[in-house]
């Protein structure tokens, strides 16, 4: 299985099933990581919000998820 690039600002790869590489994941605020880890009806909305903020160039430490 080919490595998947991390969508974060690094040049690393992420593991299958992970949103970001471990380095980028741990740069997110704890509350953001906790919300992204929850499943449910709004789970995909949260993931889209993460990716939108990454594409906008927002710093990992400043990313907030509702």
Protein backbone atom coordinates (compact mmCIF):
# COMPACT_ATOMS: atom_id res chain seq x y z
CA UNK A 1 0.00 0.00 0.00
CA UNK A 2 1.50 3.37 -1.00
CA UNK A 3 2.14 5.97 1.67
CA UNK A 4 -0.41 8.76 1.88
CA UNK A 5 0.96 12.31 2.20
CA UNK A 6 -0.05 14.21 5.31
CA UNK A 7 -2.37 17.13 4.45
CA UNK A 8 -0.63 19.18 7.14
CA UNK A 9 2.24 21.60 6.57
CA UNK A 10 4.93 18.89 6.91
CA UNK A 11 6.46 16.71 4.22
CA UNK A 12 5.71 13.46 6.01
CA UNK A 13 3.26 10.65 5.34
CA UNK A 14 0.34 9.53 7.45
CA UNK A 15 -0.76 6.06 8.41
CA UNK A 16 -3.83 4.52 6.79
CA UNK A 17 -6.97 5.62 8.59
CA UNK A 18 -5.31 8.65 10.20
CA UNK A 19 -6.21 12.25 9.44
CA UNK A 20 -2.66 13.59 9.87
CA UNK A 21 0.83 12.29 10.61
CA UNK A 22 1.66 11.92 14.31
CA UNK A 23 3.78 15.10 14.36
CA UNK A 24 1.02 17.30 12.93
CA UNK A 25 -1.66 15.57 15.02
CA UNK A 26 0.14 16.44 18.25
CA UNK A 27 0.49 20.09 17.20
CA UNK A 28 -3.30 20.47 17.15
CA UNK A 29 -4.90 21.81 20.34
CA UNK A 30 -6.09 19.03 22.65
CA UNK A 31 -9.73 20.12 22.35
CA UNK A 32 -9.49 19.92 18.55
CA UNK A 33 -7.95 16.43 18.68
CA UNK A 34 -10.67 15.30 21.08
CA UNK A 35 -13.46 16.57 18.80
CA UNK A 36 -11.90 15.04 15.69
CA UNK A 37 -11.65 11.71 17.49
CA UNK A 38 -15.40 11.55 18.10
CA UNK A 39 -17.57 9.68 15.65
CA UNK A 40 -21.17 10.41 14.86
CA UNK A 41 -23.40 12.52 12.69
CA UNK A 42 -21.07 15.52 12.66
CA UNK A 43 -17.83 13.54 12.29
CA UNK A 44 -17.42 14.17 8.56
CA UNK A 45 -18.31 17.83 9.02
CA UNK A 46 -15.44 18.11 11.52
CA UNK A 47 -13.01 16.41 9.13
CA UNK A 48 -14.06 18.75 6.30
CA UNK A 49 -13.55 21.72 8.62
CA UNK A 50 -10.03 20.47 9.45
CA UNK A 51 -9.15 20.11 5.77
CA UNK A 52 -10.66 23.50 4.89
CA UNK A 53 -8.58 25.19 7.58
CA UNK A 54 -5.43 23.37 6.44
CA UNK A 55 -6.01 24.45 2.81
CA UNK A 56 -6.48 28.03 4.02
CA UNK A 57 -2.99 27.88 5.53
CA UNK A 58 -4.08 28.14 9.15
CA UNK A 59 -1.41 27.13 11.67
CA UNK A 60 -2.06 23.76 13.31
CA UNK A 61 -2.02 25.27 16.81
CA UNK A 62 -4.78 27.72 15.73
CA UNK A 63 -7.19 25.17 14.24
CA UNK A 64 -10.47 24.93 16.14
CA UNK A 65 -13.32 22.55 15.42
CA UNK A 66 -16.94 23.22 16.47
